[in-house]
Structures are given as C-alpha cells and as structure tokens.
Amino acid sequence: MLKMRDLHEVPMLYELMNHPDVFPYVRHKASNSDEFYFITKQTIEAEENGELISRTIIDEYYQPIGTINLFDIHENHGFLATWIGQPYFGKGYNQQAKEHFFDILFFSYNIEGIFMKVRKANKRSLKAVLKLPYAALGNEIYPHVYGKVNREAEIYDLFVITKDNYMSYQQFRTLEVQPTDEEVS
C-alpha cells in the first residue's frame, strides 16, 4: 500500500498529478516532468534530513497512484498532505493509505498529532476526512494553528488526529473483531 519515495515513479505520478481533478489540491505542483523530478529529489533529501515523512501510495499491482506526506513537523505534530490519481478515486485507497501511514507515524516516528487543513469548498477532501472516526475538528481545540492556516481568510477547516484518539480507535476495533465466549463454544 505504501513505499518509500524514489525517482523511478516520477513519470507515472507526474501524469496522475496533472489531472484537473487532482492538480489544484497538490501541495508541491510541477509544471513539467523535470520539475517534478526535482521536487521528488528534494522530498527524498528532506526526509533523509528528518524534515518530513513521505511515502508513495501504490495499488495492488505495486504501481504508484499518489503520495502521502507529513510536512511542517514541529514538536511531534505535522500537517498531512495526500493526493491520489483520478482513476483511483472512490476505490478505498485513500483511507487504507492513511491508516497505514498513521501506523508508521505514531509507532515508528513518535508523532503525537497530525493536522489536516481542508478547504471548506473541497467536498471530496471533506468527505474523506469525515470517514476517519478518530479525526476531530480542530478549529477550536487548536485555535493558534487554525489562525495560522487561515491568516488572510477563513478558507480551511482544521482537523486533528492525535495518537491517543487513533490508538483508542484501533483498540476498540480490535475488541470488535474478537469472538465472545458464546461465539467460541
């Protein structure tokens, strides 16, 4: 579902990123393939320097279909940025990639909170974040962060996933699937 970023995937990802339903929502846009190579190389180097965490989302055939990243990491909190190519919309890849990425962030990198800023007008992203039962609206919980992402105008809603909320949800989910004594006998 996820793999480390590499330069070999650039042509496929660049093609997917340029779709009009995807491009406006990509954080690091590239106007041509060479520029996307450069951005990807910078991303790989930034991860090696501990500045961000980035993975390529792959499908069941190990083909790159998008990226998922944690940017602006400060005090064990960072901002999530995800995009998936248009042919893969609505097929469940987004939520699967996020859960896998959250496991990596919370259990391998000791991240405590993941912020997601969602354009109030972006119905697709809003719908995706509302599917995450461990996400909380952070507009009032983190007013300083909400103010920072909406400096000029209130364009974004702020959501947050804390390690505690995520772990509680995963524990609950584990309890849900364990058979009861009556089911075992």
C-alpha atoms as a PDB file:
ATOM      1  CA  MET A   1       0.000   0.000   0.000  1.00  0.00           C
ATOM      2  CA  LEU A   2       2.910   2.394   0.774  1.00  0.00           C
ATOM      3  CA  LYS A   3       6.550   2.506  -0.219  1.00  0.00           C
ATOM      4  CA  MET A   4       9.489   4.853   0.158  1.00  0.00           C
ATOM      5  CA  ARG A   5       9.639   7.587  -2.477  1.00  0.00           C
ATOM      6  CA  ASP A   6      12.015   7.111  -5.407  1.00  0.00           C
ATOM      7  CA  LEU A   7      12.788   8.811  -8.695  1.00  0.00           C
ATOM      8  CA  HIS A   8      11.641   5.870 -10.865  1.00  0.00           C
ATOM      9  CA  GLU A   9       7.990   6.616 -10.073  1.00  0.00           C
ATOM     10  CA  VAL A  10       8.135  10.236 -11.237  1.00  0.00           C
ATOM     11  CA  PRO A  11       6.753   9.749 -14.793  1.00  0.00           C
ATOM     12  CA  MET A  12       3.639   7.862 -13.611  1.00  0.00           C
ATOM     13  CA  LEU A  13       2.981  10.177 -10.682  1.00  0.00           C
ATOM     14  CA  TYR A  14       3.504  13.284 -12.787  1.00  0.00           C
ATOM     15  CA  GLU A  15       0.900  12.063 -15.281  1.00  0.00           C
ATOM     16  CA  LEU A  16      -1.610  11.356 -12.470  1.00  0.00           C
ATOM     17  CA  MET A  17      -0.895  14.670 -10.718  1.00  0.00           C
ATOM     18  CA  ASN A  18      -1.722  16.715 -13.820  1.00  0.00           C
ATOM     19  CA  HIS A  19      -5.371  15.685 -13.970  1.00  0.00           C
ATOM     20  CA  PRO A  20      -7.626  18.760 -13.415  1.00  0.00           C
ATOM     21  CA  ASP A  21      -9.429  16.994 -10.531  1.00  0.00           C
ATOM     22  CA  VAL A  22      -6.099  16.420  -8.757  1.00  0.00           C
ATOM     23  CA  PHE A  23      -3.693  19.240  -9.644  1.00  0.00           C
ATOM     24  CA  PRO A  24      -5.394  22.092  -7.713  1.00  0.00           C
ATOM     25  CA  TYR A  25      -5.066  20.107  -4.459  1.00  0.00           C
ATOM     26  CA  VAL A  26      -1.420  19.044  -4.748  1.00  0.00           C
ATOM     27  CA  ARG A  27       0.858  20.859  -2.314  1.00  0.00           C
ATOM     28  CA  HIS A  28       4.026  20.793  -4.444  1.00  0.00           C
ATOM     29  CA  LYS A  29       2.876  21.373  -8.000  1.00  0.00           C
ATOM     30  CA  ALA A  30       5.146  20.851 -11.009  1.00  0.00           C
ATOM     31  CA  SER A  31       4.600  22.365 -14.437  1.00  0.00           C
ATOM     32  CA  ASN A  32       6.671  19.695 -16.209  1.00  0.00           C
ATOM     33  CA  SER A  33       8.250  16.310 -15.617  1.00  0.00           C
ATOM     34  CA  ASP A  34      11.736  17.720 -14.986  1.00  0.00           C
ATOM     35  CA  GLU A  35      10.367  19.991 -12.278  1.00  0.00           C
ATOM     36  CA  PHE A  36       8.582  17.024 -10.678  1.00  0.00           C
ATOM     37  CA  TYR A  37      11.876  15.056 -10.690  1.00  0.00           C
ATOM     38  CA  PHE A  38      13.487  17.983  -8.876  1.00  0.00           C
ATOM     39  CA  ILE A  39      10.641  18.231  -6.318  1.00  0.00           C
ATOM     40  CA  THR A  40      10.758  14.479  -5.702  1.00  0.00           C
ATOM     41  CA  LYS A  41      14.548  14.569  -5.251  1.00  0.00           C
ATOM     42  CA  GLN A  42      14.153  17.445  -2.760  1.00  0.00           C
ATOM     43  CA  THR A  43      11.446  15.482  -0.913  1.00  0.00           C
ATOM     44  CA  ILE A  44      13.676  12.415  -0.616  1.00  0.00           C
ATOM     45  CA  GLU A  45      16.561  14.561   0.676  1.00  0.00           C
ATOM     46  CA  ALA A  46      14.279  16.384   3.136  1.00  0.00           C
ATOM     47  CA  GLU A  47      13.138  13.046   4.554  1.00  0.00           C
ATOM     48  CA  GLU A  48      16.753  11.913   4.912  1.00  0.00           C
ATOM     49  CA  ASN A  49      17.322  15.125   6.909  1.00  0.00           C
ATOM     50  CA  GLY A  50      14.301  14.456   9.162  1.00  0.00           C
ATOM     51  CA  GLU A  51      12.319  17.434   7.860  1.00  0.00           C
ATOM     52  CA  LEU A  52       9.300  15.497   6.600  1.00  0.00           C
ATOM     53  CA  ILE A  53       7.967  11.979   6.096  1.00  0.00           C
ATOM     54  CA  SER A  54       6.816  10.966   2.621  1.00  0.00           C
ATOM     55  CA  ARG A  55       5.559   7.769   1.017  1.00  0.00           C
ATOM     56  CA  THR A  56       4.235   6.736  -2.370  1.00  0.00           C
ATOM     57  CA  ILE A  57       0.776   5.174  -2.387  1.00  0.00           C
ATOM     58  CA  ILE A  58       0.727   2.038  -4.523  1.00  0.00           C
ATOM     59  CA  ASP A  59      -2.086  -0.162  -5.776  1.00  0.00           C
ATOM     60  CA  GLU A  60      -2.327  -3.944  -5.507  1.00  0.00           C
ATOM     61  CA  TYR A  61      -0.070  -4.247  -8.585  1.00  0.00           C
ATOM     62  CA  TYR A  62       2.635  -2.092  -6.904  1.00  0.00           C
ATOM     63  CA  GLN A  63       2.024   0.779  -9.318  1.00  0.00           C
ATOM     64  CA  PRO A  64       2.336   4.319  -7.901  1.00  0.00           C
ATOM     65  CA  ILE A  65      -1.050   6.044  -7.644  1.00  0.00           C
ATOM     66  CA  GLY A  66      -0.380   9.029  -5.365  1.00  0.00           C
ATOM     67  CA  THR A  67       1.595  10.372  -2.428  1.00  0.00           C
ATOM     68  CA  ILE A  68       1.073  10.865   1.292  1.00  0.00           C
ATOM     69  CA  ASN A  69       3.259  13.204   3.315  1.00  0.00           C
ATOM     70  CA  LEU A  70       3.714  14.761   6.732  1.00  0.00           C
ATOM     71  CA  PHE A  71       5.090  18.288   6.372  1.00  0.00           C
ATOM     72  CA  ASP A  72       5.994  21.111   8.731  1.00  0.00           C
ATOM     73  CA  ILE A  73       6.836  18.781  11.616  1.00  0.00           C
ATOM     74  CA  HIS A  74       7.159  20.750  14.845  1.00  0.00           C
ATOM     75  CA  GLU A  75       7.015  19.421  18.415  1.00  0.00           C
ATOM     76  CA  ASN A  76       5.884  15.965  17.223  1.00  0.00           C
ATOM     77  CA  HIS A  77       2.992  17.420  15.198  1.00  0.00           C
ATOM     78  CA  GLY A  78       2.806  17.889  11.440  1.00  0.00           C
ATOM     79  CA  PHE A  79       0.498  18.563   8.514  1.00  0.00           C
ATOM     80  CA  LEU A  80      -0.821  15.776   6.311  1.00  0.00           C
ATOM     81  CA  ALA A  81      -0.927  16.177   2.535  1.00  0.00           C
ATOM     82  CA  THR A  82      -2.308  13.407   0.360  1.00  0.00           C
ATOM     83  CA  TRP A  83      -3.266  13.092  -3.263  1.00  0.00           C
ATOM     84  CA  ILE A  84      -4.381  10.132  -5.358  1.00  0.00           C
ATOM     85  CA  GLY A  85      -4.711   9.990  -9.128  1.00  0.00           C
ATOM     86  CA  GLN A  86      -8.206  10.457 -10.556  1.00  0.00           C
ATOM     87  CA  PRO A  87      -8.568   6.878 -11.935  1.00  0.00           C
ATOM     88  CA  TYR A  88      -8.244   5.642  -8.329  1.00  0.00           C
ATOM     89  CA  PHE A  89     -10.894   7.888  -6.746  1.00  0.00           C
ATOM     90  CA  GLY A  90     -13.576   6.094  -4.746  1.00  0.00           C
ATOM     91  CA  LYS A  91     -11.786   2.744  -4.588  1.00  0.00           C
ATOM     92  CA  GLY A  92     -10.759   2.858  -0.923  1.00  0.00           C
ATOM     93  CA  TYR A  93      -7.072   3.602  -1.468  1.00  0.00           C
ATOM     94  CA  ASN A  94      -7.158   6.915   0.379  1.00  0.00           C
ATOM     95  CA  GLN A  95      -8.397   5.565   3.700  1.00  0.00           C
ATOM     96  CA  GLN A  96      -6.168   2.465   3.524  1.00  0.00           C
ATOM     97  CA  ALA A  97      -3.103   4.591   2.779  1.00  0.00           C
ATOM     98  CA  LYS A  98      -3.902   6.977   5.619  1.00  0.00           C
ATOM     99  CA  GLU A  99      -4.294   4.216   8.209  1.00  0.00           C
ATOM    100  CA  HIS A 100      -1.049   2.564   7.115  1.00  0.00           C
ATOM    101  CA  PHE A 101       0.714   5.950   7.198  1.00  0.00           C
ATOM    102  CA  PHE A 102      -0.731   6.793  10.623  1.00  0.00           C
ATOM    103  CA  ASP A 103       0.627   3.485  11.970  1.00  0.00           C
ATOM    104  CA  ILE A 104       4.070   4.460  10.666  1.00  0.00           C
ATOM    105  CA  LEU A 105       3.875   7.989  12.065  1.00  0.00           C
ATOM    106  CA  PHE A 106       2.571   7.109  15.514  1.00  0.00           C
ATOM    107  CA  PHE A 107       4.526   3.931  16.137  1.00  0.00           C
ATOM    108  CA  SER A 108       7.797   4.415  14.228  1.00  0.00           C
ATOM    109  CA  TYR A 109       8.305   8.187  14.349  1.00  0.00           C
ATOM    110  CA  ASN A 110       6.603   9.057  17.659  1.00  0.00           C
ATOM    111  CA  ILE A 111       4.387  11.711  16.091  1.00  0.00           C
ATOM    112  CA  GLU A 112       1.769  12.910  18.609  1.00  0.00           C
ATOM    113  CA  GLY A 113      -0.646  14.732  16.297  1.00  0.00           C
ATOM    114  CA  ILE A 114      -1.476  15.025  12.632  1.00  0.00           C
ATOM    115  CA  PHE A 115      -3.157  18.175  11.356  1.00  0.00           C
ATOM    116  CA  MET A 116      -5.217  18.245   8.191  1.00  0.00           C
ATOM    117  CA  LYS A 117      -6.304  21.531   6.693  1.00  0.00           C
ATOM    118  CA  VAL A 118      -9.234  21.026   4.370  1.00  0.00           C
ATOM    119  CA  ARG A 119     -10.582  23.715   2.098  1.00  0.00           C
ATOM    120  CA  LYS A 120     -14.151  24.386   3.158  1.00  0.00           C
ATOM    121  CA  ALA A 121     -15.095  24.217  -0.557  1.00  0.00           C
ATOM    122  CA  ASN A 122     -13.306  20.882  -1.207  1.00  0.00           C
ATOM    123  CA  LYS A 123     -16.174  18.412  -0.836  1.00  0.00           C
ATOM    124  CA  ARG A 124     -14.048  15.379  -1.818  1.00  0.00           C
ATOM    125  CA  SER A 125     -11.454  16.012   0.919  1.00  0.00           C
ATOM    126  CA  LEU A 126     -14.095  16.894   3.499  1.00  0.00           C
ATOM    127  CA  LYS A 127     -15.935  13.650   2.737  1.00  0.00           C
ATOM    128  CA  ALA A 128     -12.664  11.697   3.090  1.00  0.00           C
ATOM    129  CA  VAL A 129     -11.742  13.220   6.460  1.00  0.00           C
ATOM    130  CA  LEU A 130     -15.246  12.664   7.845  1.00  0.00           C
ATOM    131  CA  LYS A 131     -14.783   8.933   7.185  1.00  0.00           C
ATOM    132  CA  LEU A 132     -11.980   8.883   9.764  1.00  0.00           C
ATOM    133  CA  PRO A 133     -13.680   8.150  13.114  1.00  0.00           C
ATOM    134  CA  TYR A 134     -10.592   9.201  15.091  1.00  0.00           C
ATOM    135  CA  ALA A 135     -10.342  12.677  13.495  1.00  0.00           C
ATOM    136  CA  ALA A 136     -11.583  15.670  15.449  1.00  0.00           C
ATOM    137  CA  LEU A 137     -12.440  19.154  14.268  1.00  0.00           C
ATOM    138  CA  GLY A 138      -9.507  21.220  15.492  1.00  0.00           C
ATOM    139  CA  ASN A 139     -10.741  24.760  14.768  1.00  0.00           C
ATOM    140  CA  GLU A 140     -11.423  25.424  18.455  1.00  0.00           C
ATOM    141  CA  ILE A 141      -9.129  22.820  20.037  1.00  0.00           C
ATOM    142  CA  TYR A 142      -6.042  24.333  18.356  1.00  0.00           C
ATOM    143  CA  PRO A 143      -7.028  27.997  17.800  1.00  0.00           C
ATOM    144  CA  HIS A 144      -3.413  29.109  17.240  1.00  0.00           C
ATOM    145  CA  VAL A 145      -2.945  26.549  14.436  1.00  0.00           C
ATOM    146  CA  TYR A 146      -6.392  27.348  12.970  1.00  0.00           C
ATOM    147  CA  GLY A 147      -5.463  31.043  12.905  1.00  0.00           C
ATOM    148  CA  LYS A 148      -2.144  30.280  11.245  1.00  0.00           C
ATOM    149  CA  VAL A 149      -3.701  28.297   8.377  1.00  0.00           C
ATOM    150  CA  ASN A 150      -6.380  30.963   7.871  1.00  0.00           C
ATOM    151  CA  ARG A 151      -4.257  34.109   8.140  1.00  0.00           C
ATOM    152  CA  GLU A 152      -5.905  36.040   5.351  1.00  0.00           C
ATOM    153  CA  ALA A 153      -9.385  34.483   5.245  1.00  0.00           C
ATOM    154  CA  GLU A 154     -11.246  31.501   6.705  1.00  0.00           C
ATOM    155  CA  ILE A 155     -10.646  29.133   3.797  1.00  0.00           C
ATOM    156  CA  TYR A 156      -9.792  25.964   5.734  1.00  0.00           C
ATOM    157  CA  ASP A 157     -11.263  23.783   8.429  1.00  0.00           C
ATOM    158  CA  LEU A 158      -8.625  22.230  10.660  1.00  0.00           C
ATOM    159  CA  PHE A 159      -8.851  18.590  11.663  1.00  0.00           C
ATOM    160  CA  VAL A 160      -6.519  16.750  14.013  1.00  0.00           C
ATOM    161  CA  ILE A 161      -5.745  13.124  14.663  1.00  0.00           C
ATOM    162  CA  THR A 162      -3.985  12.582  17.953  1.00  0.00           C
ATOM    163  CA  LYS A 163      -2.017   9.479  18.782  1.00  0.00           C
ATOM    164  CA  ASP A 164      -4.340   8.845  21.750  1.00  0.00           C
ATOM    165  CA  ASN A 165      -7.516   9.039  19.646  1.00  0.00           C
ATOM    166  CA  TYR A 166      -6.017   6.834  16.944  1.00  0.00           C
ATOM    167  CA  MET A 167      -4.799   4.224  19.442  1.00  0.00           C
ATOM    168  CA  SER A 168      -8.164   4.194  21.247  1.00  0.00           C
ATOM    169  CA  TYR A 169      -9.971   3.621  17.966  1.00  0.00           C
ATOM    170  CA  GLN A 170      -7.588   0.806  16.965  1.00  0.00           C
ATOM    171  CA  GLN A 171      -8.057  -0.870  20.374  1.00  0.00           C
ATOM    172  CA  PHE A 172     -11.825  -0.591  20.053  1.00  0.00           C
ATOM    173  CA  ARG A 173     -11.692  -2.049  16.551  1.00  0.00           C
ATOM    174  CA  THR A 174      -9.613  -4.966  17.851  1.00  0.00           C
ATOM    175  CA  LEU A 175     -12.217  -5.622  20.569  1.00  0.00           C
ATOM    176  CA  GLU A 176     -14.994  -5.560  17.966  1.00  0.00           C
ATOM    177  CA  VAL A 177     -13.476  -8.403  15.951  1.00  0.00           C
ATOM    178  CA  GLN A 178     -12.569 -10.686  18.877  1.00  0.00           C
ATOM    179  CA  PRO A 179     -15.108 -13.510  19.310  1.00  0.00           C
ATOM    180  CA  THR A 180     -17.115 -13.570  22.517  1.00  0.00           C
ATOM    181  CA  ASP A 181     -17.184 -16.644  24.795  1.00  0.00           C
ATOM    182  CA  GLU A 182     -20.576 -17.590  23.341  1.00  0.00           C
ATOM    183  CA  GLU A 183     -19.219 -17.460  19.777  1.00  0.00           C
ATOM    184  CA  VAL A 184     -16.231 -19.657  20.682  1.00  0.00           C
ATOM    185  CA  SER A 185     -18.273 -22.531  22.226  1.00  0.00           C
END
